[in-house]
């Protein structure tokens, strides 16, 4: 934690998605130049040839080699994406810093989102979310499509700001970070490297079993929908709370909620079938469809959220870019 501003390089990636196999297509960096001036730029894979992209990656690799500290926000995510591009783990392992980890240790009750910290710690206001929403509406692309469809002219300024915010956050934190948390912070960084290794190795999936369960639950859902249609009519949508309340009311069961607890107590076959359908849909989509979609070559690469809970426990799920 004794680095000075001129020794530091902040780096951030923009990716095609947040899954393990999704690639980084934009990299932004920020550092302090002569007279403590803030310098930054970004490279974009979408608009250059393979040779130019290779040269730009080599330039960033030289910067990583030459700096004494690599600053990231949610370092595990960015390290994994940069390593997929061919960067060596040795460039990060012994000299990376993570502003998300620092924020979480300082106050685990508050959000560790970069934009939130930029507002509350740095006093910066960004209109990124609104601009990106507007751009997605204009291009008719969903948020789930990630950042790849966003034009460079829109995305690059915010990508550069993210790197600058990350550098400035670290500069602020190293002045005020409680000394009694240093050792815990070092443990968190060691855990980051360990988790990267675990995630890279992944978990083997029984593809035959997953395929079988997808089919069985698909058949079960089809039969449940057919049975529900026979009771309530083919136009009835069991996923619509309004229609469920209305139809149950017509069948003599006035309820104020369509929660599982309430429907389970309704003495009507229709209510029971709706509960069964919900559970079957949840198991099929949450588990078996997810295992099928996320695993490649029979291997699932999980994402462990290191700083995602207030209690200190880790969770697992979609990564945060």
C-alpha atoms as a PDB file:
ATOM      1  CA  UNK A   1       0.000   0.000   0.000  1.00  0.00           C
ATOM      2  CA  UNK A   2       3.019   2.274  -0.327  1.00  0.00           C
ATOM      3  CA  UNK A   3       2.714   2.969  -4.032  1.00  0.00           C
ATOM      4  CA  UNK A   4       2.793   6.511  -5.378  1.00  0.00           C
ATOM      5  CA  UNK A   5       0.628   7.851  -8.155  1.00  0.00           C
ATOM      6  CA  UNK A   6       3.320   7.751 -10.850  1.00  0.00           C
ATOM      7  CA  UNK A   7       3.843   4.016 -10.234  1.00  0.00           C
ATOM      8  CA  UNK A   8       0.224   3.049 -10.868  1.00  0.00           C
ATOM      9  CA  UNK A   9      -1.697   1.903 -13.916  1.00  0.00           C
ATOM     10  CA  UNK A  10      -5.476   1.525 -13.709  1.00  0.00           C
ATOM     11  CA  UNK A  11      -7.048  -0.844 -16.214  1.00  0.00           C
ATOM     12  CA  UNK A  12     -10.642  -1.777 -17.062  1.00  0.00           C
ATOM     13  CA  UNK A  13     -12.239  -4.078 -19.635  1.00  0.00           C
ATOM     14  CA  UNK A  14     -15.482  -3.957 -21.576  1.00  0.00           C
ATOM     15  CA  UNK A  15     -16.691  -7.393 -22.620  1.00  0.00           C
ATOM     16  CA  UNK A  16     -19.184  -9.125 -24.886  1.00  0.00           C
ATOM     17  CA  UNK A  17     -20.798 -10.643 -21.782  1.00  0.00           C
ATOM     18  CA  UNK A  18     -20.077 -11.624 -18.196  1.00  0.00           C
ATOM     19  CA  UNK A  19     -19.683 -15.386 -18.689  1.00  0.00           C
ATOM     20  CA  UNK A  20     -16.322 -17.120 -18.415  1.00  0.00           C
ATOM     21  CA  UNK A  21     -15.940 -17.554 -22.176  1.00  0.00           C
ATOM     22  CA  UNK A  22     -16.998 -14.007 -23.098  1.00  0.00           C
ATOM     23  CA  UNK A  23     -14.160 -11.883 -24.444  1.00  0.00           C
ATOM     24  CA  UNK A  24     -12.925  -8.372 -23.735  1.00  0.00           C
ATOM     25  CA  UNK A  25     -13.175  -6.173 -26.811  1.00  0.00           C
ATOM     26  CA  UNK A  26     -12.234  -2.830 -25.243  1.00  0.00           C
ATOM     27  CA  UNK A  27      -9.507  -2.018 -22.733  1.00  0.00           C
ATOM     28  CA  UNK A  28      -9.122   1.351 -21.051  1.00  0.00           C
ATOM     29  CA  UNK A  29      -6.130   2.490 -18.996  1.00  0.00           C
ATOM     30  CA  UNK A  30      -5.331   5.518 -16.838  1.00  0.00           C
ATOM     31  CA  UNK A  31      -2.162   6.730 -15.140  1.00  0.00           C
ATOM     32  CA  UNK A  32      -0.456   9.850 -13.837  1.00  0.00           C
ATOM     33  CA  UNK A  33       1.832  11.610 -16.297  1.00  0.00           C
ATOM     34  CA  UNK A  34       4.288  14.491 -15.869  1.00  0.00           C
ATOM     35  CA  UNK A  35       3.231  17.132 -13.342  1.00  0.00           C
ATOM     36  CA  UNK A  36       0.696  14.691 -11.936  1.00  0.00           C
ATOM     37  CA  UNK A  37      -1.569  15.025 -14.978  1.00  0.00           C
ATOM     38  CA  UNK A  38      -4.182  12.318 -15.449  1.00  0.00           C
ATOM     39  CA  UNK A  39      -3.601  10.415 -18.706  1.00  0.00           C
ATOM     40  CA  UNK A  40      -5.897   7.811 -20.240  1.00  0.00           C
ATOM     41  CA  UNK A  41      -6.955   6.107 -23.454  1.00  0.00           C
ATOM     42  CA  UNK A  42      -8.828   3.042 -24.721  1.00  0.00           C
ATOM     43  CA  UNK A  43      -8.361   0.452 -27.461  1.00  0.00           C
ATOM     44  CA  UNK A  44     -11.268  -1.200 -29.294  1.00  0.00           C
ATOM     45  CA  UNK A  45     -11.027  -4.576 -31.002  1.00  0.00           C
ATOM     46  CA  UNK A  46     -14.111  -3.985 -33.156  1.00  0.00           C
ATOM     47  CA  UNK A  47     -12.591  -1.326 -35.403  1.00  0.00           C
ATOM     48  CA  UNK A  48      -9.039  -2.525 -36.087  1.00  0.00           C
ATOM     49  CA  UNK A  49      -7.306  -5.345 -37.911  1.00  0.00           C
ATOM     50  CA  UNK A  50      -5.808  -8.347 -36.149  1.00  0.00           C
ATOM     51  CA  UNK A  51      -2.306  -6.915 -36.571  1.00  0.00           C
ATOM     52  CA  UNK A  52      -3.234  -3.529 -35.126  1.00  0.00           C
ATOM     53  CA  UNK A  53      -5.076  -5.174 -32.207  1.00  0.00           C
ATOM     54  CA  UNK A  54      -2.024  -7.319 -31.484  1.00  0.00           C
ATOM     55  CA  UNK A  55       0.210  -4.246 -31.498  1.00  0.00           C
ATOM     56  CA  UNK A  56      -2.149  -2.375 -29.158  1.00  0.00           C
ATOM     57  CA  UNK A  57      -2.242  -5.323 -26.747  1.00  0.00           C
ATOM     58  CA  UNK A  58       1.540  -5.423 -26.818  1.00  0.00           C
ATOM     59  CA  UNK A  59       1.623  -1.739 -25.903  1.00  0.00           C
ATOM     60  CA  UNK A  60      -0.608  -2.320 -22.892  1.00  0.00           C
ATOM     61  CA  UNK A  61       1.469  -5.349 -21.918  1.00  0.00           C
ATOM     62  CA  UNK A  62       4.556  -3.119 -21.865  1.00  0.00           C
ATOM     63  CA  UNK A  63       2.726  -0.685 -19.604  1.00  0.00           C
ATOM     64  CA  UNK A  64       1.768  -3.521 -17.267  1.00  0.00           C
ATOM     65  CA  UNK A  65       5.350  -4.746 -17.222  1.00  0.00           C
ATOM     66  CA  UNK A  66       6.699  -1.288 -16.393  1.00  0.00           C
ATOM     67  CA  UNK A  67       4.294  -0.226 -13.667  1.00  0.00           C
ATOM     68  CA  UNK A  68       4.660  -1.108  -9.996  1.00  0.00           C
ATOM     69  CA  UNK A  69       0.968  -1.458  -9.295  1.00  0.00           C
ATOM     70  CA  UNK A  70      -2.039  -2.481 -11.410  1.00  0.00           C
ATOM     71  CA  UNK A  71      -5.300  -0.988 -10.130  1.00  0.00           C
ATOM     72  CA  UNK A  72      -8.666  -2.585 -10.934  1.00  0.00           C
ATOM     73  CA  UNK A  73     -12.224  -2.470  -9.645  1.00  0.00           C
ATOM     74  CA  UNK A  74     -13.405  -6.067  -9.203  1.00  0.00           C
ATOM     75  CA  UNK A  75      -9.951  -7.340 -10.126  1.00  0.00           C
ATOM     76  CA  UNK A  76     -10.965 -10.987 -10.489  1.00  0.00           C
ATOM     77  CA  UNK A  77     -13.195 -10.174 -13.442  1.00  0.00           C
ATOM     78  CA  UNK A  78     -10.662  -8.028 -15.296  1.00  0.00           C
ATOM     79  CA  UNK A  79      -7.717 -10.351 -14.645  1.00  0.00           C
ATOM     80  CA  UNK A  80      -9.672 -13.299 -16.044  1.00  0.00           C
ATOM     81  CA  UNK A  81     -10.644 -11.369 -19.185  1.00  0.00           C
ATOM     82  CA  UNK A  82      -7.118 -10.045 -19.727  1.00  0.00           C
ATOM     83  CA  UNK A  83      -5.619 -13.506 -19.287  1.00  0.00           C
ATOM     84  CA  UNK A  84      -8.044 -14.836 -21.915  1.00  0.00           C
ATOM     85  CA  UNK A  85      -6.521 -12.276 -24.274  1.00  0.00           C
ATOM     86  CA  UNK A  86      -3.088 -13.762 -23.655  1.00  0.00           C
ATOM     87  CA  UNK A  87      -1.739 -11.644 -20.816  1.00  0.00           C
ATOM     88  CA  UNK A  88       0.301 -13.594 -18.271  1.00  0.00           C
ATOM     89  CA  UNK A  89      -0.953 -13.967 -14.713  1.00  0.00           C
ATOM     90  CA  UNK A  90       2.489 -12.863 -13.490  1.00  0.00           C
ATOM     91  CA  UNK A  91       1.659  -9.324 -14.679  1.00  0.00           C
ATOM     92  CA  UNK A  92      -1.000  -9.109 -11.977  1.00  0.00           C
ATOM     93  CA  UNK A  93      -0.367 -11.727  -9.296  1.00  0.00           C
ATOM     94  CA  UNK A  94       2.052  -9.827  -7.068  1.00  0.00           C
ATOM     95  CA  UNK A  95       1.156  -6.222  -7.808  1.00  0.00           C
ATOM     96  CA  UNK A  96      -2.569  -5.807  -8.359  1.00  0.00           C
ATOM     97  CA  UNK A  97      -4.829  -3.670  -6.165  1.00  0.00           C
ATOM     98  CA  UNK A  98      -8.617  -3.865  -6.026  1.00  0.00           C
ATOM     99  CA  UNK A  99     -10.687  -0.790  -5.189  1.00  0.00           C
ATOM    100  CA  UNK A 100     -13.824  -2.906  -4.832  1.00  0.00           C
ATOM    101  CA  UNK A 101     -12.149  -4.996  -2.132  1.00  0.00           C
ATOM    102  CA  UNK A 102     -10.997  -1.836  -0.354  1.00  0.00           C
ATOM    103  CA  UNK A 103     -14.496  -0.346  -0.454  1.00  0.00           C
ATOM    104  CA  UNK A 104     -16.044  -3.543   0.860  1.00  0.00           C
ATOM    105  CA  UNK A 105     -13.601  -3.719   3.763  1.00  0.00           C
ATOM    106  CA  UNK A 106     -14.145  -0.068   4.650  1.00  0.00           C
ATOM    107  CA  UNK A 107     -17.945  -0.424   4.733  1.00  0.00           C
ATOM    108  CA  UNK A 108     -19.570  -3.733   3.860  1.00  0.00           C
ATOM    109  CA  UNK A 109     -23.030  -2.156   4.302  1.00  0.00           C
ATOM    110  CA  UNK A 110     -22.699   0.105   1.255  1.00  0.00           C
ATOM    111  CA  UNK A 111     -22.664  -0.600  -2.454  1.00  0.00           C
ATOM    112  CA  UNK A 112     -19.269  -1.292  -4.001  1.00  0.00           C
ATOM    113  CA  UNK A 113     -20.381  -0.320  -7.505  1.00  0.00           C
ATOM    114  CA  UNK A 114     -17.883   1.885  -9.290  1.00  0.00           C
ATOM    115  CA  UNK A 115     -20.426   4.543 -10.304  1.00  0.00           C
ATOM    116  CA  UNK A 116     -21.788   4.686  -6.760  1.00  0.00           C
ATOM    117  CA  UNK A 117     -18.287   5.145  -5.327  1.00  0.00           C
ATOM    118  CA  UNK A 118     -17.465   7.758  -7.957  1.00  0.00           C
ATOM    119  CA  UNK A 119     -20.456   9.754  -6.700  1.00  0.00           C
ATOM    120  CA  UNK A 120     -20.051   9.225  -2.965  1.00  0.00           C
ATOM    121  CA  UNK A 121     -16.260   9.174  -2.628  1.00  0.00           C
ATOM    122  CA  UNK A 122     -15.047  11.296  -5.541  1.00  0.00           C
ATOM    123  CA  UNK A 123     -18.058  13.581  -5.903  1.00  0.00           C
ATOM    124  CA  UNK A 124     -18.354  12.728  -9.615  1.00  0.00           C
ATOM    125  CA  UNK A 125     -21.692  12.461 -11.399  1.00  0.00           C
ATOM    126  CA  UNK A 126     -21.974  10.310 -14.504  1.00  0.00           C
ATOM    127  CA  UNK A 127     -24.858  10.068 -16.960  1.00  0.00           C
ATOM    128  CA  UNK A 128     -23.588   6.769 -18.330  1.00  0.00           C
ATOM    129  CA  UNK A 129     -26.601   4.671 -17.386  1.00  0.00           C
ATOM    130  CA  UNK A 130     -29.069   7.040 -19.033  1.00  0.00           C
ATOM    131  CA  UNK A 131     -26.957   7.470 -22.182  1.00  0.00           C
ATOM    132  CA  UNK A 132     -26.541   3.707 -22.568  1.00  0.00           C
ATOM    133  CA  UNK A 133     -30.276   3.128 -22.023  1.00  0.00           C
ATOM    134  CA  UNK A 134     -31.061   5.706 -24.692  1.00  0.00           C
ATOM    135  CA  UNK A 135     -28.560   4.158 -27.098  1.00  0.00           C
ATOM    136  CA  UNK A 136     -29.970   0.678 -26.543  1.00  0.00           C
ATOM    137  CA  UNK A 137     -33.483   1.980 -27.217  1.00  0.00           C
ATOM    138  CA  UNK A 138     -32.325   3.630 -30.426  1.00  0.00           C
ATOM    139  CA  UNK A 139     -30.491   0.505 -31.578  1.00  0.00           C
ATOM    140  CA  UNK A 140     -33.281  -1.772 -30.315  1.00  0.00           C
ATOM    141  CA  UNK A 141     -30.890  -3.992 -28.360  1.00  0.00           C
ATOM    142  CA  UNK A 142     -31.538  -5.415 -24.906  1.00  0.00           C
ATOM    143  CA  UNK A 143     -29.302  -4.883 -21.900  1.00  0.00           C
ATOM    144  CA  UNK A 144     -28.614  -8.629 -21.887  1.00  0.00           C
ATOM    145  CA  UNK A 145     -26.717  -8.139 -25.156  1.00  0.00           C
ATOM    146  CA  UNK A 146     -23.948  -6.463 -23.171  1.00  0.00           C
ATOM    147  CA  UNK A 147     -21.770  -3.596 -24.327  1.00  0.00           C
ATOM    148  CA  UNK A 148     -20.618  -5.033 -27.653  1.00  0.00           C
ATOM    149  CA  UNK A 149     -23.469  -3.479 -29.728  1.00  0.00           C
ATOM    150  CA  UNK A 150     -22.788  -0.009 -28.254  1.00  0.00           C
ATOM    151  CA  UNK A 151     -20.857   2.162 -30.762  1.00  0.00           C
ATOM    152  CA  UNK A 152     -17.331   3.176 -29.816  1.00  0.00           C
ATOM    153  CA  UNK A 153     -18.188   6.868 -29.890  1.00  0.00           C
ATOM    154  CA  UNK A 154     -20.698   6.260 -27.082  1.00  0.00           C
ATOM    155  CA  UNK A 155     -18.901   3.595 -25.061  1.00  0.00           C
ATOM    156  CA  UNK A 156     -15.292   4.764 -25.126  1.00  0.00           C
ATOM    157  CA  UNK A 157     -15.697   7.976 -23.063  1.00  0.00           C
ATOM    158  CA  UNK A 158     -17.329   6.004 -20.262  1.00  0.00           C
ATOM    159  CA  UNK A 159     -14.792   3.185 -20.456  1.00  0.00           C
ATOM    160  CA  UNK A 160     -12.004   5.735 -20.061  1.00  0.00           C
ATOM    161  CA  UNK A 161     -13.832   7.374 -17.166  1.00  0.00           C
ATOM    162  CA  UNK A 162     -14.095   3.986 -15.442  1.00  0.00           C
ATOM    163  CA  UNK A 163     -10.315   3.589 -15.554  1.00  0.00           C
ATOM    164  CA  UNK A 164      -9.820   7.147 -14.320  1.00  0.00           C
ATOM    165  CA  UNK A 165     -12.335   6.689 -11.491  1.00  0.00           C
ATOM    166  CA  UNK A 166     -10.582   3.476 -10.460  1.00  0.00           C
ATOM    167  CA  UNK A 167      -7.201   5.183 -10.280  1.00  0.00           C
ATOM    168  CA  UNK A 168      -8.567   8.155  -8.362  1.00  0.00           C
ATOM    169  CA  UNK A 169     -10.428   5.902  -5.930  1.00  0.00           C
ATOM    170  CA  UNK A 170      -7.261   4.029  -5.121  1.00  0.00           C
ATOM    171  CA  UNK A 171      -5.341   7.266  -4.634  1.00  0.00           C
ATOM    172  CA  UNK A 172      -8.036   8.372  -2.195  1.00  0.00           C
ATOM    173  CA  UNK A 173      -8.177   5.049  -0.373  1.00  0.00           C
ATOM    174  CA  UNK A 174      -4.436   4.683   0.219  1.00  0.00           C
ATOM    175  CA  UNK A 175      -4.512   7.914   2.223  1.00  0.00           C
ATOM    176  CA  UNK A 176      -7.341   6.870   4.539  1.00  0.00           C
ATOM    177  CA  UNK A 177      -7.444   3.067   4.582  1.00  0.00           C
ATOM    178  CA  UNK A 178      -7.365   1.823   8.227  1.00  0.00           C
ATOM    179  CA  UNK A 179      -4.025   0.234   9.048  1.00  0.00           C
ATOM    180  CA  UNK A 180      -5.666  -2.541  11.038  1.00  0.00           C
ATOM    181  CA  UNK A 181      -7.324  -3.748   7.812  1.00  0.00           C
ATOM    182  CA  UNK A 182      -4.117  -4.087   5.792  1.00  0.00           C
ATOM    183  CA  UNK A 183      -3.586  -7.749   6.646  1.00  0.00           C
ATOM    184  CA  UNK A 184      -7.200  -8.606   5.818  1.00  0.00           C
ATOM    185  CA  UNK A 185      -6.899  -6.790   2.496  1.00  0.00           C
ATOM    186  CA  UNK A 186      -3.806  -8.848   1.642  1.00  0.00           C
ATOM    187  CA  UNK A 187      -5.759 -12.015   2.426  1.00  0.00           C
ATOM    188  CA  UNK A 188      -8.541 -10.844   0.128  1.00  0.00           C
ATOM    189  CA  UNK A 189      -6.046 -10.426  -2.715  1.00  0.00           C
ATOM    190  CA  UNK A 190      -4.608 -13.886  -2.097  1.00  0.00           C
ATOM    191  CA  UNK A 191      -8.150 -15.252  -2.178  1.00  0.00           C
ATOM    192  CA  UNK A 192      -8.739 -13.522  -5.529  1.00  0.00           C
ATOM    193  CA  UNK A 193      -5.832 -15.418  -7.089  1.00  0.00           C
ATOM    194  CA  UNK A 194      -6.973 -18.698  -5.519  1.00  0.00           C
ATOM    195  CA  UNK A 195     -10.534 -18.237  -6.807  1.00  0.00           C
ATOM    196  CA  UNK A 196      -9.263 -17.475 -10.306  1.00  0.00           C
ATOM    197  CA  UNK A 197      -7.517 -20.835 -10.282  1.00  0.00           C
ATOM    198  CA  UNK A 198     -10.617 -22.654  -9.043  1.00  0.00           C
ATOM    199  CA  UNK A 199     -12.845 -20.967 -11.618  1.00  0.00           C
ATOM    200  CA  UNK A 200     -10.383 -21.653 -14.435  1.00  0.00           C
ATOM    201  CA  UNK A 201     -10.289 -25.352 -13.639  1.00  0.00           C
ATOM    202  CA  UNK A 202     -14.069 -25.443 -13.420  1.00  0.00           C
ATOM    203  CA  UNK A 203     -16.446 -28.258 -12.549  1.00  0.00           C
ATOM    204  CA  UNK A 204     -17.290 -31.227 -14.733  1.00  0.00           C
ATOM    205  CA  UNK A 205     -20.948 -31.519 -15.700  1.00  0.00           C
ATOM    206  CA  UNK A 206     -22.784 -34.765 -16.433  1.00  0.00           C
ATOM    207  CA  UNK A 207     -24.067 -33.684 -19.842  1.00  0.00           C
ATOM    208  CA  UNK A 208     -26.170 -36.817 -20.329  1.00  0.00           C
ATOM    209  CA  UNK A 209     -27.986 -36.244 -17.023  1.00  0.00           C
ATOM    210  CA  UNK A 210     -28.546 -32.548 -17.761  1.00  0.00           C
ATOM    211  CA  UNK A 211     -29.957 -33.382 -21.203  1.00  0.00           C
ATOM    212  CA  UNK A 212     -32.264 -36.014 -19.706  1.00  0.00           C
ATOM    213  CA  UNK A 213     -33.543 -33.648 -17.005  1.00  0.00           C
ATOM    214  CA  UNK A 214     -34.149 -30.829 -19.503  1.00  0.00           C
ATOM    215  CA  UNK A 215     -36.326 -33.200 -21.525  1.00  0.00           C
ATOM    216  CA  UNK A 216     -38.174 -34.604 -18.517  1.00  0.00           C
ATOM    217  CA  UNK A 217     -38.949 -31.154 -17.121  1.00  0.00           C
ATOM    218  CA  UNK A 218     -39.911 -29.927 -20.578  1.00  0.00           C
ATOM    219  CA  UNK A 219     -42.407 -32.789 -20.895  1.00  0.00           C
ATOM    220  CA  UNK A 220     -43.709 -32.145 -17.388  1.00  0.00           C
ATOM    221  CA  UNK A 221     -44.217 -28.437 -18.089  1.00  0.00           C
ATOM    222  CA  UNK A 222     -46.070 -29.242 -21.318  1.00  0.00           C
ATOM    223  CA  UNK A 223     -48.439 -31.621 -19.493  1.00  0.00           C
ATOM    224  CA  UNK A 224     -49.014 -29.150 -16.656  1.00  0.00           C
ATOM    225  CA  UNK A 225     -49.882 -26.375 -19.118  1.00  0.00           C
ATOM    226  CA  UNK A 226     -52.292 -28.728 -20.892  1.00  0.00           C
ATOM    227  CA  UNK A 227     -54.007 -29.647 -17.617  1.00  0.00           C
ATOM    228  CA  UNK A 228     -54.244 -26.004 -16.595  1.00  0.00           C
ATOM    229  CA  UNK A 229     -55.723 -25.148 -19.993  1.00  0.00           C
ATOM    230  CA  UNK A 230     -58.416 -27.812 -19.580  1.00  0.00           C
ATOM    231  CA  UNK A 231     -59.441 -26.313 -16.219  1.00  0.00           C
ATOM    232  CA  UNK A 232     -59.156 -22.589 -16.962  1.00  0.00           C
ATOM    233  CA  UNK A 233     -59.359 -22.333 -20.739  1.00  0.00           C
ATOM    234  CA  UNK A 234     -56.677 -22.253 -23.423  1.00  0.00           C
ATOM    235  CA  UNK A 235     -56.393 -18.452 -23.260  1.00  0.00           C
ATOM    236  CA  UNK A 236     -55.539 -18.519 -19.569  1.00  0.00           C
ATOM    237  CA  UNK A 237     -51.975 -17.412 -18.745  1.00  0.00           C
ATOM    238  CA  UNK A 238     -50.822 -19.034 -15.470  1.00  0.00           C
ATOM    239  CA  UNK A 239     -47.861 -16.606 -15.351  1.00  0.00           C
ATOM    240  CA  UNK A 240     -50.189 -13.598 -15.065  1.00  0.00           C
ATOM    241  CA  UNK A 241     -51.027 -12.715 -11.437  1.00  0.00           C
ATOM    242  CA  UNK A 242     -54.071 -10.730 -12.579  1.00  0.00           C
ATOM    243  CA  UNK A 243     -55.496 -13.655 -14.547  1.00  0.00           C
ATOM    244  CA  UNK A 244     -54.786 -16.091 -11.723  1.00  0.00           C
ATOM    245  CA  UNK A 245     -56.605 -13.882  -9.192  1.00  0.00           C
ATOM    246  CA  UNK A 246     -59.536 -13.339 -11.562  1.00  0.00           C
ATOM    247  CA  UNK A 247     -59.937 -16.995 -12.515  1.00  0.00           C
ATOM    248  CA  UNK A 248     -59.669 -18.263  -8.946  1.00  0.00           C
ATOM    249  CA  UNK A 249     -62.259 -15.667  -7.936  1.00  0.00           C
ATOM    250  CA  UNK A 250     -64.622 -16.963 -10.598  1.00  0.00           C
ATOM    251  CA  UNK A 251     -64.067 -20.466  -9.189  1.00  0.00           C
ATOM    252  CA  UNK A 252     -65.091 -19.255  -5.726  1.00  0.00           C
ATOM    253  CA  UNK A 253     -61.668 -18.596  -4.198  1.00  0.00           C
ATOM    254  CA  UNK A 254     -61.034 -14.933  -3.448  1.00  0.00           C
ATOM    255  CA  UNK A 255     -57.349 -14.441  -2.576  1.00  0.00           C
ATOM    256  CA  UNK A 256     -55.214 -11.317  -2.315  1.00  0.00           C
ATOM    257  CA  UNK A 257     -51.939 -12.830  -3.451  1.00  0.00           C
ATOM    258  CA  UNK A 258     -50.591 -15.387  -5.912  1.00  0.00           C
ATOM    259  CA  UNK A 259     -47.622 -16.369  -3.724  1.00  0.00           C
ATOM    260  CA  UNK A 260     -46.749 -20.035  -3.345  1.00  0.00           C
ATOM    261  CA  UNK A 261     -47.835 -19.986   0.298  1.00  0.00           C
ATOM    262  CA  UNK A 262     -51.280 -18.588  -0.533  1.00  0.00           C
ATOM    263  CA  UNK A 263     -51.937 -20.764  -3.579  1.00  0.00           C
ATOM    264  CA  UNK A 264     -50.844 -23.903  -1.712  1.00  0.00           C
ATOM    265  CA  UNK A 265     -53.680 -23.341   0.763  1.00  0.00           C
ATOM    266  CA  UNK A 266     -56.393 -22.875  -1.892  1.00  0.00           C
ATOM    267  CA  UNK A 267     -58.554 -26.052  -2.089  1.00  0.00           C
ATOM    268  CA  UNK A 268     -58.640 -26.073  -5.889  1.00  0.00           C
ATOM    269  CA  UNK A 269     -56.791 -28.319  -8.365  1.00  0.00           C
ATOM    270  CA  UNK A 270     -56.014 -25.299 -10.550  1.00  0.00           C
ATOM    271  CA  UNK A 271     -54.081 -23.534  -7.787  1.00  0.00           C
ATOM    272  CA  UNK A 272     -52.049 -26.678  -7.117  1.00  0.00           C
ATOM    273  CA  UNK A 273     -51.191 -27.087 -10.792  1.00  0.00           C
ATOM    274  CA  UNK A 274     -50.067 -23.455 -11.020  1.00  0.00           C
ATOM    275  CA  UNK A 275     -47.695 -23.988  -8.076  1.00  0.00           C
ATOM    276  CA  UNK A 276     -46.339 -27.165  -9.718  1.00  0.00           C
ATOM    277  CA  UNK A 277     -45.824 -25.338 -13.013  1.00  0.00           C
ATOM    278  CA  UNK A 278     -43.907 -22.513 -11.363  1.00  0.00           C
ATOM    279  CA  UNK A 279     -41.613 -24.941  -9.554  1.00  0.00           C
ATOM    280  CA  UNK A 280     -40.993 -26.981 -12.707  1.00  0.00           C
ATOM    281  CA  UNK A 281     -40.232 -23.840 -14.724  1.00  0.00           C
ATOM    282  CA  UNK A 282     -37.850 -22.593 -12.038  1.00  0.00           C
ATOM    283  CA  UNK A 283     -35.927 -25.861 -11.781  1.00  0.00           C
ATOM    284  CA  UNK A 284     -35.681 -26.258 -15.553  1.00  0.00           C
ATOM    285  CA  UNK A 285     -34.544 -22.679 -16.277  1.00  0.00           C
ATOM    286  CA  UNK A 286     -32.479 -21.941 -13.158  1.00  0.00           C
ATOM    287  CA  UNK A 287     -30.600 -25.223 -13.052  1.00  0.00           C
ATOM    288  CA  UNK A 288     -30.741 -27.442 -16.111  1.00  0.00           C
ATOM    289  CA  UNK A 289     -31.041 -24.777 -18.800  1.00  0.00           C
ATOM    290  CA  UNK A 290     -28.357 -22.714 -17.062  1.00  0.00           C
ATOM    291  CA  UNK A 291     -26.011 -25.719 -16.792  1.00  0.00           C
ATOM    292  CA  UNK A 292     -26.581 -26.502 -20.458  1.00  0.00           C
ATOM    293  CA  UNK A 293     -26.019 -22.921 -21.625  1.00  0.00           C
ATOM    294  CA  UNK A 294     -23.054 -22.023 -19.407  1.00  0.00           C
ATOM    295  CA  UNK A 295     -21.001 -25.209 -19.674  1.00  0.00           C
ATOM    296  CA  UNK A 296     -18.759 -25.864 -22.652  1.00  0.00           C
ATOM    297  CA  UNK A 297     -17.054 -29.146 -23.329  1.00  0.00           C
ATOM    298  CA  UNK A 298     -18.753 -30.544 -20.250  1.00  0.00           C
ATOM    299  CA  UNK A 299     -17.035 -28.005 -17.961  1.00  0.00           C
ATOM    300  CA  UNK A 300     -18.773 -25.256 -15.990  1.00  0.00           C
ATOM    301  CA  UNK A 301     -16.638 -22.285 -14.954  1.00  0.00           C
ATOM    302  CA  UNK A 302     -18.354 -20.735 -11.923  1.00  0.00           C
ATOM    303  CA  UNK A 303     -18.095 -17.155 -10.736  1.00  0.00           C
ATOM    304  CA  UNK A 304     -17.649 -16.609  -7.014  1.00  0.00           C
ATOM    305  CA  UNK A 305     -18.701 -13.159  -5.840  1.00  0.00           C
ATOM    306  CA  UNK A 306     -15.954 -12.315  -3.415  1.00  0.00           C
ATOM    307  CA  UNK A 307     -17.330  -8.961  -2.264  1.00  0.00           C
ATOM    308  CA  UNK A 308     -21.026  -9.458  -2.858  1.00  0.00           C
ATOM    309  CA  UNK A 309     -22.504  -9.932   0.612  1.00  0.00           C
ATOM    310  CA  UNK A 310     -22.735  -7.858   3.776  1.00  0.00           C
ATOM    311  CA  UNK A 311     -22.046 -10.877   5.977  1.00  0.00           C
ATOM    312  CA  UNK A 312     -18.637 -11.645   4.509  1.00  0.00           C
ATOM    313  CA  UNK A 313     -19.761 -14.897   2.918  1.00  0.00           C
ATOM    314  CA  UNK A 314     -19.236 -15.471  -0.792  1.00  0.00           C
ATOM    315  CA  UNK A 315     -22.016 -16.073  -3.255  1.00  0.00           C
ATOM    316  CA  UNK A 316     -21.972 -17.523  -6.741  1.00  0.00           C
ATOM    317  CA  UNK A 317     -23.667 -16.328  -9.890  1.00  0.00           C
ATOM    318  CA  UNK A 318     -23.305 -13.995 -12.833  1.00  0.00           C
ATOM    319  CA  UNK A 319     -20.196 -11.870 -12.775  1.00  0.00           C
ATOM    320  CA  UNK A 320     -20.252  -8.090 -12.502  1.00  0.00           C
ATOM    321  CA  UNK A 321     -18.298  -6.284 -15.163  1.00  0.00           C
END
